[in-house]
PDB file of all heavy atoms in Angstrom:
ATOM      1  N   ARG A   1       0.844  -1.196   0.000  1.00  0.00           N
ATOM      2  CA  ARG A   1       0.000   0.000   0.000  1.00  0.00           C
ATOM      3  C   ARG A   1       0.870   1.234   0.000  1.00  0.00           C
ATOM      4  O   ARG A   1       1.987   1.230   0.518  1.00  0.00           O
ATOM      5  CB  ARG A   1      -0.944  -0.006   1.201  1.00  0.00           C
ATOM      6  CG  ARG A   1      -0.248   0.086   2.567  1.00  0.00           C
ATOM      7  CD  ARG A   1      -1.255  -0.105   3.697  1.00  0.00           C
ATOM      8  NE  ARG A   1      -2.270   0.944   3.715  1.00  0.00           N
ATOM      9  CZ  ARG A   1      -3.429   0.834   4.318  1.00  0.00           C
ATOM     10  NH1 ARG A   1      -3.753  -0.280   4.961  1.00  0.00           N
ATOM     11  NH2 ARG A   1      -4.293   1.831   4.293  1.00  0.00           N
ATOM     12  N   ASP A   2       0.329   2.297  -0.569  1.00  0.00           N
ATOM     13  CA  ASP A   2       0.992   3.599  -0.575  1.00  0.00           C
ATOM     14  C   ASP A   2      -0.021   4.604  -0.043  1.00  0.00           C
ATOM     15  O   ASP A   2      -0.920   5.039  -0.767  1.00  0.00           O
ATOM     16  CB  ASP A   2       1.438   3.957  -1.994  1.00  0.00           C
ATOM     17  CG  ASP A   2       2.256   5.240  -2.052  1.00  0.00           C
ATOM     18  OD1 ASP A   2       2.103   6.077  -1.135  1.00  0.00           O
ATOM     19  OD2 ASP A   2       3.026   5.395  -3.006  1.00  0.00           O
ATOM     20  N   ASN A   3       0.123   4.948   1.221  1.00  0.00           N
ATOM     21  CA  ASN A   3      -0.854   5.840   1.842  1.00  0.00           C
ATOM     22  C   ASN A   3      -0.792   7.257   1.272  1.00  0.00           C
ATOM     23  O   ASN A   3      -1.773   7.987   1.322  1.00  0.00           O
ATOM     24  CB  ASN A   3      -0.646   5.862   3.354  1.00  0.00           C
ATOM     25  CG  ASN A   3      -1.034   4.555   4.009  1.00  0.00           C
ATOM     26  OD1 ASN A   3      -1.841   3.790   3.488  1.00  0.00           O
ATOM     27  ND2 ASN A   3      -0.440   4.279   5.167  1.00  0.00           N
ATOM     28  N   ALA A   4       0.353   7.653   0.754  1.00  0.00           N
ATOM     29  CA  ALA A   4       0.473   8.987   0.172  1.00  0.00           C
ATOM     30  C   ALA A   4      -0.321   9.095  -1.131  1.00  0.00           C
ATOM     31  O   ALA A   4      -0.790  10.178  -1.494  1.00  0.00           O
ATOM     32  CB  ALA A   4       1.940   9.318  -0.078  1.00  0.00           C
ATOM     33  N   LYS A   5      -0.464   7.961  -1.829  1.00  0.00           N
ATOM     34  CA  LYS A   5      -1.172   7.958  -3.107  1.00  0.00           C
ATOM     35  C   LYS A   5      -2.549   7.319  -3.012  1.00  0.00           C
ATOM     36  O   LYS A   5      -3.263   7.222  -4.008  1.00  0.00           O
ATOM     37  CB  LYS A   5      -0.340   7.227  -4.162  1.00  0.00           C
ATOM     38  CG  LYS A   5       0.986   7.895  -4.475  1.00  0.00           C
ATOM     39  CD  LYS A   5       1.739   7.127  -5.552  1.00  0.00           C
ATOM     40  CE  LYS A   5       3.051   7.814  -5.886  1.00  0.00           C
ATOM     41  NZ  LYS A   5       3.822   7.074  -6.926  1.00  0.00           N
ATOM     42  N   ASN A   6      -2.931   6.880  -1.832  1.00  0.00           N
ATOM     43  CA  ASN A   6      -4.219   6.204  -1.643  1.00  0.00           C
ATOM     44  C   ASN A   6      -4.383   5.003  -2.580  1.00  0.00           C
ATOM     45  O   ASN A   6      -5.422   4.830  -3.233  1.00  0.00           O
ATOM     46  CB  ASN A   6      -5.394   7.168  -1.860  1.00  0.00           C
ATOM     47  CG  ASN A   6      -5.687   8.028  -0.637  1.00  0.00           C
ATOM     48  OD1 ASN A   6      -4.815   8.215   0.211  1.00  0.00           O
ATOM     49  ND2 ASN A   6      -6.886   8.554  -0.552  1.00  0.00           N
ATOM     50  N   THR A   7      -3.353   4.186  -2.643  1.00  0.00           N
ATOM     51  CA  THR A   7      -3.412   3.035  -3.530  1.00  0.00           C
ATOM     52  C   THR A   7      -2.975   1.756  -2.806  1.00  0.00           C
ATOM     53  O   THR A   7      -2.180   1.796  -1.864  1.00  0.00           O
ATOM     54  CB  THR A   7      -2.524   3.214  -4.771  1.00  0.00           C
ATOM     55  OG1 THR A   7      -1.179   3.445  -4.346  1.00  0.00           O
ATOM     56  CG2 THR A   7      -3.000   4.370  -5.633  1.00  0.00           C
ATOM     57  N   VAL A   8      -3.516   0.653  -3.274  1.00  0.00           N
ATOM     58  CA  VAL A   8      -3.085  -0.665  -2.834  1.00  0.00           C
ATOM     59  C   VAL A   8      -2.798  -1.475  -4.094  1.00  0.00           C
ATOM     60  O   VAL A   8      -3.532  -1.381  -5.073  1.00  0.00           O
ATOM     61  CB  VAL A   8      -4.129  -1.350  -1.937  1.00  0.00           C
ATOM     62  CG1 VAL A   8      -5.470  -1.493  -2.613  1.00  0.00           C
ATOM     63  CG2 VAL A   8      -3.620  -2.699  -1.445  1.00  0.00           C
ATOM     64  N   THR A   9      -1.731  -2.234  -4.052  1.00  0.00           N
ATOM     65  CA  THR A   9      -1.245  -2.936  -5.224  1.00  0.00           C
ATOM     66  C   THR A   9      -1.111  -4.427  -4.937  1.00  0.00           C
ATOM     67  O   THR A   9      -0.772  -4.821  -3.819  1.00  0.00           O
ATOM     68  CB  THR A   9       0.111  -2.368  -5.649  1.00  0.00           C
ATOM     69  OG1 THR A   9      -0.045  -0.979  -5.962  1.00  0.00           O
ATOM     70  CG2 THR A   9       0.658  -3.088  -6.859  1.00  0.00           C
ATOM     71  N   LEU A  10      -1.383  -5.220  -5.946  1.00  0.00           N
ATOM     72  CA  LEU A  10      -1.188  -6.666  -5.848  1.00  0.00           C
ATOM     73  C   LEU A  10      -0.260  -7.080  -6.987  1.00  0.00           C
ATOM     74  O   LEU A  10      -0.659  -7.029  -8.157  1.00  0.00           O
ATOM     75  CB  LEU A  10      -2.514  -7.410  -5.941  1.00  0.00           C
ATOM     76  CG  LEU A  10      -2.414  -8.928  -5.745  1.00  0.00           C
ATOM     77  CD1 LEU A  10      -2.058  -9.246  -4.289  1.00  0.00           C
ATOM     78  CD2 LEU A  10      -3.724  -9.616  -6.125  1.00  0.00           C
ATOM     79  N   GLN A  11       0.951  -7.439  -6.648  1.00  0.00           N
ATOM     80  CA  GLN A  11       1.898  -7.943  -7.636  1.00  0.00           C
ATOM     81  C   GLN A  11       1.729  -9.449  -7.717  1.00  0.00           C
ATOM     82  O   GLN A  11       1.880 -10.146  -6.710  1.00  0.00           O
ATOM     83  CB  GLN A  11       3.331  -7.589  -7.236  1.00  0.00           C
ATOM     84  CG  GLN A  11       4.385  -8.138  -8.174  1.00  0.00           C
ATOM     85  CD  GLN A  11       4.321  -7.511  -9.554  1.00  0.00           C
ATOM     86  OE1 GLN A  11       4.148  -6.297  -9.685  1.00  0.00           O
ATOM     87  NE2 GLN A  11       4.453  -8.332 -10.586  1.00  0.00           N
ATOM     88  N   MET A  12       1.432  -9.922  -8.915  1.00  0.00           N
ATOM     89  CA  MET A  12       1.147 -11.344  -9.104  1.00  0.00           C
ATOM     90  C   MET A  12       2.203 -11.941 -10.036  1.00  0.00           C
ATOM     91  O   MET A  12       2.301 -11.539 -11.204  1.00  0.00           O
ATOM     92  CB  MET A  12      -0.251 -11.539  -9.692  1.00  0.00           C
ATOM     93  CG  MET A  12      -1.346 -10.880  -8.883  1.00  0.00           C
ATOM     94  SD  MET A  12      -3.003 -11.253  -9.485  1.00  0.00           S
ATOM     95  CE  MET A  12      -2.959 -10.426 -11.078  1.00  0.00           C
ATOM     96  N   ASN A  13       2.980 -12.860  -9.514  1.00  0.00           N
ATOM     97  CA  ASN A  13       4.026 -13.527 -10.290  1.00  0.00           C
ATOM     98  C   ASN A  13       3.715 -15.013 -10.426  1.00  0.00           C
ATOM     99  O   ASN A  13       2.899 -15.554  -9.686  1.00  0.00           O
ATOM    100  CB  ASN A  13       5.384 -13.344  -9.617  1.00  0.00           C
ATOM    101  CG  ASN A  13       5.807 -11.894  -9.522  1.00  0.00           C
ATOM    102  OD1 ASN A  13       5.474 -11.070 -10.381  1.00  0.00           O
ATOM    103  ND2 ASN A  13       6.540 -11.569  -8.477  1.00  0.00           N
ATOM    104  N   SER A  14       4.375 -15.644 -11.360  1.00  0.00           N
ATOM    105  CA  SER A  14       4.199 -17.084 -11.588  1.00  0.00           C
ATOM    106  C   SER A  14       2.721 -17.451 -11.675  1.00  0.00           C
ATOM    107  O   SER A  14       2.252 -18.399 -11.035  1.00  0.00           O
ATOM    108  CB  SER A  14       4.875 -17.881 -10.460  1.00  0.00           C
ATOM    109  OG  SER A  14       6.248 -17.581 -10.389  1.00  0.00           O
ATOM    110  N   LEU A  15       2.002 -16.705 -12.481  1.00  0.00           N
ATOM    111  CA  LEU A  15       0.560 -16.915 -12.582  1.00  0.00           C
ATOM    112  C   LEU A  15       0.235 -18.286 -13.155  1.00  0.00           C
ATOM    113  O   LEU A  15       0.938 -18.807 -14.039  1.00  0.00           O
ATOM    114  CB  LEU A  15      -0.065 -15.816 -13.432  1.00  0.00           C
ATOM    115  CG  LEU A  15      -0.235 -14.490 -12.693  1.00  0.00           C
ATOM    116  CD1 LEU A  15      -0.401 -13.338 -13.656  1.00  0.00           C
ATOM    117  CD2 LEU A  15      -1.423 -14.566 -11.741  1.00  0.00           C
ATOM    118  N   GLN A  16      -0.833 -18.855 -12.618  1.00  0.00           N
ATOM    119  CA  GLN A  16      -1.284 -20.177 -13.017  1.00  0.00           C
ATOM    120  C   GLN A  16      -2.698 -20.085 -13.590  1.00  0.00           C
ATOM    121  O   GLN A  16      -3.425 -19.124 -13.327  1.00  0.00           O
ATOM    122  CB  GLN A  16      -1.269 -21.112 -11.806  1.00  0.00           C
ATOM    123  CG  GLN A  16       0.074 -21.217 -11.122  1.00  0.00           C
ATOM    124  CD  GLN A  16      -0.014 -21.914  -9.765  1.00  0.00           C
ATOM    125  OE1 GLN A  16      -1.098 -22.259  -9.289  1.00  0.00           O
ATOM    126  NE2 GLN A  16       1.141 -22.120  -9.142  1.00  0.00           N
ATOM    127  N   TYR A  17      -3.085 -21.109 -14.331  1.00  0.00           N
ATOM    128  CA  TYR A  17      -4.413 -21.120 -14.940  1.00  0.00           C
ATOM    129  C   TYR A  17      -5.493 -20.917 -13.878  1.00  0.00           C
ATOM    130  O   TYR A  17      -6.474 -20.209 -14.098  1.00  0.00           O
ATOM    131  CB  TYR A  17      -4.630 -22.438 -15.671  1.00  0.00           C
ATOM    132  CG  TYR A  17      -6.001 -22.576 -16.271  1.00  0.00           C
ATOM    133  CD1 TYR A  17      -6.345 -21.905 -17.433  1.00  0.00           C
ATOM    134  CD2 TYR A  17      -6.966 -23.369 -15.653  1.00  0.00           C
ATOM    135  CE1 TYR A  17      -7.607 -22.028 -17.984  1.00  0.00           C
ATOM    136  CE2 TYR A  17      -8.232 -23.498 -16.194  1.00  0.00           C
ATOM    137  CZ  TYR A  17      -8.541 -22.826 -17.354  1.00  0.00           C
ATOM    138  OH  TYR A  17      -9.795 -22.950 -17.886  1.00  0.00           O
ATOM    139  N   ASP A  18      -5.298 -21.530 -12.701  1.00  0.00           N
ATOM    140  CA  ASP A  18      -6.301 -21.449 -11.632  1.00  0.00           C
ATOM    141  C   ASP A  18      -6.382 -20.063 -10.996  1.00  0.00           C
ATOM    142  O   ASP A  18      -7.249 -19.832 -10.145  1.00  0.00           O
ATOM    143  CB  ASP A  18      -6.012 -22.486 -10.545  1.00  0.00           C
ATOM    144  CG  ASP A  18      -6.313 -23.901 -11.008  1.00  0.00           C
ATOM    145  OD1 ASP A  18      -6.984 -24.055 -12.059  1.00  0.00           O
ATOM    146  OD2 ASP A  18      -5.869 -24.858 -10.346  1.00  0.00           O
ATOM    147  N   ASP A  19      -5.509 -19.149 -11.375  1.00  0.00           N
ATOM    148  CA  ASP A  19      -5.605 -17.773 -10.880  1.00  0.00           C
ATOM    149  C   ASP A  19      -6.619 -16.960 -11.682  1.00  0.00           C
ATOM    150  O   ASP A  19      -6.905 -15.809 -11.339  1.00  0.00           O
ATOM    151  CB  ASP A  19      -4.239 -17.079 -10.954  1.00  0.00           C
ATOM    152  CG  ASP A  19      -3.220 -17.695 -10.003  1.00  0.00           C
ATOM    153  OD1 ASP A  19      -3.592 -18.033  -8.863  1.00  0.00           O
ATOM    154  OD2 ASP A  19      -2.046 -17.837 -10.402  1.00  0.00           O
ATOM    155  N   THR A  20      -7.144 -17.533 -12.732  1.00  0.00           N
ATOM    156  CA  THR A  20      -8.137 -16.850 -13.549  1.00  0.00           C
ATOM    157  C   THR A  20      -9.384 -16.556 -12.726  1.00  0.00           C
ATOM    158  O   THR A  20      -9.975 -17.452 -12.121  1.00  0.00           O
ATOM    159  CB  THR A  20      -8.512 -17.705 -14.770  1.00  0.00           C
ATOM    160  OG1 THR A  20      -7.366 -17.877 -15.601  1.00  0.00           O
ATOM    161  CG2 THR A  20      -9.626 -17.045 -15.575  1.00  0.00           C
ATOM    162  N   ALA A  21      -9.765 -15.280 -12.682  1.00  0.00           N
ATOM    163  CA  ALA A  21     -10.907 -14.862 -11.870  1.00  0.00           C
ATOM    164  C   ALA A  21     -11.115 -13.362 -12.043  1.00  0.00           C
ATOM    165  O   ALA A  21     -10.277 -12.676 -12.638  1.00  0.00           O
ATOM    166  CB  ALA A  21     -10.662 -15.172 -10.395  1.00  0.00           C
ATOM    167  N   VAL A  22     -12.217 -12.885 -11.489  1.00  0.00           N
ATOM    168  CA  VAL A  22     -12.394 -11.444 -11.325  1.00  0.00           C
ATOM    169  C   VAL A  22     -11.806 -11.082  -9.964  1.00  0.00           C
ATOM    170  O   VAL A  22     -12.130 -11.712  -8.960  1.00  0.00           O
ATOM    171  CB  VAL A  22     -13.870 -11.045 -11.397  1.00  0.00           C
ATOM    172  CG1 VAL A  22     -14.021  -9.546 -11.150  1.00  0.00           C
ATOM    173  CG2 VAL A  22     -14.458 -11.423 -12.750  1.00  0.00           C
ATOM    174  N   TYR A  23     -10.939 -10.096  -9.968  1.00  0.00           N
ATOM    175  CA  TYR A  23     -10.261  -9.663  -8.744  1.00  0.00           C
ATOM    176  C   TYR A  23     -10.887  -8.370  -8.238  1.00  0.00           C
ATOM    177  O   TYR A  23     -11.080  -7.424  -9.005  1.00  0.00           O
ATOM    178  CB  TYR A  23      -8.774  -9.468  -9.011  1.00  0.00           C
ATOM    179  CG  TYR A  23      -8.026 -10.779  -9.104  1.00  0.00           C
ATOM    180  CD1 TYR A  23      -8.202 -11.636 -10.184  1.00  0.00           C
ATOM    181  CD2 TYR A  23      -7.151 -11.177  -8.087  1.00  0.00           C
ATOM    182  CE1 TYR A  23      -7.534 -12.850 -10.259  1.00  0.00           C
ATOM    183  CE2 TYR A  23      -6.471 -12.385  -8.154  1.00  0.00           C
ATOM    184  CZ  TYR A  23      -6.668 -13.217  -9.241  1.00  0.00           C
ATOM    185  OH  TYR A  23      -6.008 -14.411  -9.313  1.00  0.00           O
ATOM    186  N   TYR A  24     -11.170  -8.357  -6.945  1.00  0.00           N
ATOM    187  CA  TYR A  24     -11.815  -7.217  -6.314  1.00  0.00           C
ATOM    188  C   TYR A  24     -10.927  -6.627  -5.227  1.00  0.00           C
ATOM    189  O   TYR A  24     -10.349  -7.359  -4.421  1.00  0.00           O
ATOM    190  CB  TYR A  24     -13.137  -7.634  -5.668  1.00  0.00           C
ATOM    191  CG  TYR A  24     -14.163  -8.185  -6.618  1.00  0.00           C
ATOM    192  CD1 TYR A  24     -14.216  -9.539  -6.919  1.00  0.00           C
ATOM    193  CD2 TYR A  24     -15.091  -7.336  -7.224  1.00  0.00           C
ATOM    194  CE1 TYR A  24     -15.168 -10.038  -7.792  1.00  0.00           C
ATOM    195  CE2 TYR A  24     -16.041  -7.828  -8.096  1.00  0.00           C
ATOM    196  CZ  TYR A  24     -16.070  -9.184  -8.377  1.00  0.00           C
ATOM    197  OH  TYR A  24     -17.017  -9.666  -9.240  1.00  0.00           O
ATOM    198  N   CYS A  25     -10.893  -5.341  -5.209  1.00  0.00           N
ATOM    199  CA  CYS A  25     -10.250  -4.597  -4.130  1.00  0.00           C
ATOM    200  C   CYS A  25     -11.322  -4.254  -3.088  1.00  0.00           C
ATOM    201  O   CYS A  25     -12.474  -3.958  -3.460  1.00  0.00           O
ATOM    202  CB  CYS A  25      -9.645  -3.321  -4.715  1.00  0.00           C
ATOM    203  SG  CYS A  25      -9.039  -2.124  -3.539  1.00  0.00           S
ATOM    204  N   ALA A  26     -10.961  -4.280  -1.821  1.00  0.00           N
ATOM    205  CA  ALA A  26     -11.931  -3.993  -0.775  1.00  0.00           C
ATOM    206  C   ALA A  26     -11.281  -3.217   0.359  1.00  0.00           C
ATOM    207  O   ALA A  26     -10.078  -3.351   0.605  1.00  0.00           O
ATOM    208  CB  ALA A  26     -12.539  -5.292  -0.241  1.00  0.00           C
ATOM    209  N   ALA A  27     -12.102  -2.415   1.034  1.00  0.00           N
ATOM    210  CA  ALA A  27     -11.626  -1.608   2.153  1.00  0.00           C
ATOM    211  C   ALA A  27     -12.447  -1.884   3.404  1.00  0.00           C
ATOM    212  O   ALA A  27     -13.681  -1.953   3.350  1.00  0.00           O
ATOM    213  CB  ALA A  27     -11.700  -0.116   1.804  1.00  0.00           C
ATOM    214  N   ASP A  28     -11.749  -2.050   4.500  1.00  0.00           N
ATOM    215  CA  ASP A  28     -12.371  -2.216   5.817  1.00  0.00           C
ATOM    216  C   ASP A  28     -12.136  -0.917   6.570  1.00  0.00           C
ATOM    217  O   ASP A  28     -11.030  -0.670   7.081  1.00  0.00           O
ATOM    218  CB  ASP A  28     -11.728  -3.402   6.535  1.00  0.00           C
ATOM    219  CG  ASP A  28     -12.161  -3.518   7.991  1.00  0.00           C
ATOM    220  OD1 ASP A  28     -13.090  -2.796   8.404  1.00  0.00           O
ATOM    221  OD2 ASP A  28     -11.562  -4.325   8.721  1.00  0.00           O
ATOM    222  N   THR A  29     -13.148  -0.072   6.641  1.00  0.00           N
ATOM    223  CA  THR A  29     -12.966   1.243   7.264  1.00  0.00           C
ATOM    224  C   THR A  29     -13.008   1.186   8.784  1.00  0.00           C
ATOM    225  O   THR A  29     -12.811   2.210   9.444  1.00  0.00           O
ATOM    226  CB  THR A  29     -14.022   2.231   6.744  1.00  0.00           C
ATOM    227  OG1 THR A  29     -15.319   1.747   7.085  1.00  0.00           O
ATOM    228  CG2 THR A  29     -13.906   2.422   5.241  1.00  0.00           C
ATOM    229  N   ASN A  30     -13.257   0.023   9.353  1.00  0.00           N
ATOM    230  CA  ASN A  30     -13.234  -0.144  10.809  1.00  0.00           C
ATOM    231  C   ASN A  30     -11.988  -0.898  11.265  1.00  0.00           C
ATOM    232  O   ASN A  30     -11.932  -1.393  12.392  1.00  0.00           O
ATOM    233  CB  ASN A  30     -14.483  -0.892  11.268  1.00  0.00           C
ATOM    234  CG  ASN A  30     -15.751  -0.126  10.962  1.00  0.00           C
ATOM    235  OD1 ASN A  30     -15.928   0.999  11.433  1.00  0.00           O
ATOM    236  ND2 ASN A  30     -16.630  -0.708  10.167  1.00  0.00           N
ATOM    237  N   SER A  31     -11.010  -0.955  10.380  1.00  0.00           N
ATOM    238  CA  SER A  31      -9.829  -1.775  10.638  1.00  0.00           C
ATOM    239  C   SER A  31      -9.049  -1.350  11.869  1.00  0.00           C
ATOM    240  O   SER A  31      -8.390  -2.178  12.501  1.00  0.00           O
ATOM    241  CB  SER A  31      -8.919  -1.740   9.404  1.00  0.00           C
ATOM    242  OG  SER A  31      -7.764  -2.503   9.598  1.00  0.00           O
ATOM    243  N   ILE A  32      -9.128  -0.060  12.226  1.00  0.00           N
ATOM    244  CA  ILE A  32      -8.332   0.403  13.361  1.00  0.00           C
ATOM    245  C   ILE A  32      -8.805  -0.215  14.675  1.00  0.00           C
ATOM    246  O   ILE A  32      -8.080  -0.148  15.685  1.00  0.00           O
ATOM    247  CB  ILE A  32      -8.357   1.937  13.480  1.00  0.00           C
ATOM    248  CG1 ILE A  32      -9.791   2.458  13.597  1.00  0.00           C
ATOM    249  CG2 ILE A  32      -7.637   2.568  12.300  1.00  0.00           C
ATOM    250  CD1 ILE A  32      -9.864   3.943  13.895  1.00  0.00           C
ATOM    251  N   TYR A  33      -9.970  -0.822  14.660  1.00  0.00           N
ATOM    252  CA  TYR A  33     -10.477  -1.480  15.856  1.00  0.00           C
ATOM    253  C   TYR A  33     -10.117  -2.959  15.909  1.00  0.00           C
ATOM    254  O   TYR A  33     -10.506  -3.668  16.834  1.00  0.00           O
ATOM    255  CB  TYR A  33     -11.997  -1.315  15.934  1.00  0.00           C
ATOM    256  CG  TYR A  33     -12.435   0.123  15.906  1.00  0.00           C
ATOM    257  CD1 TYR A  33     -13.096   0.639  14.795  1.00  0.00           C
ATOM    258  CD2 TYR A  33     -12.173   0.986  16.960  1.00  0.00           C
ATOM    259  CE1 TYR A  33     -13.491   1.962  14.739  1.00  0.00           C
ATOM    260  CE2 TYR A  33     -12.560   2.311  16.923  1.00  0.00           C
ATOM    261  CZ  TYR A  33     -13.218   2.794  15.803  1.00  0.00           C
ATOM    262  OH  TYR A  33     -13.599   4.104  15.757  1.00  0.00           O
TER     263      TYR A  33
END
């Protein structure tokens, strides 16, 4: 994550056929608890 840019990144290496999917980003705004 880069808090200065408000971004989260997923680097995916050695991808396999079974990695095929729709990928979703999600935020937990109560995480500080």
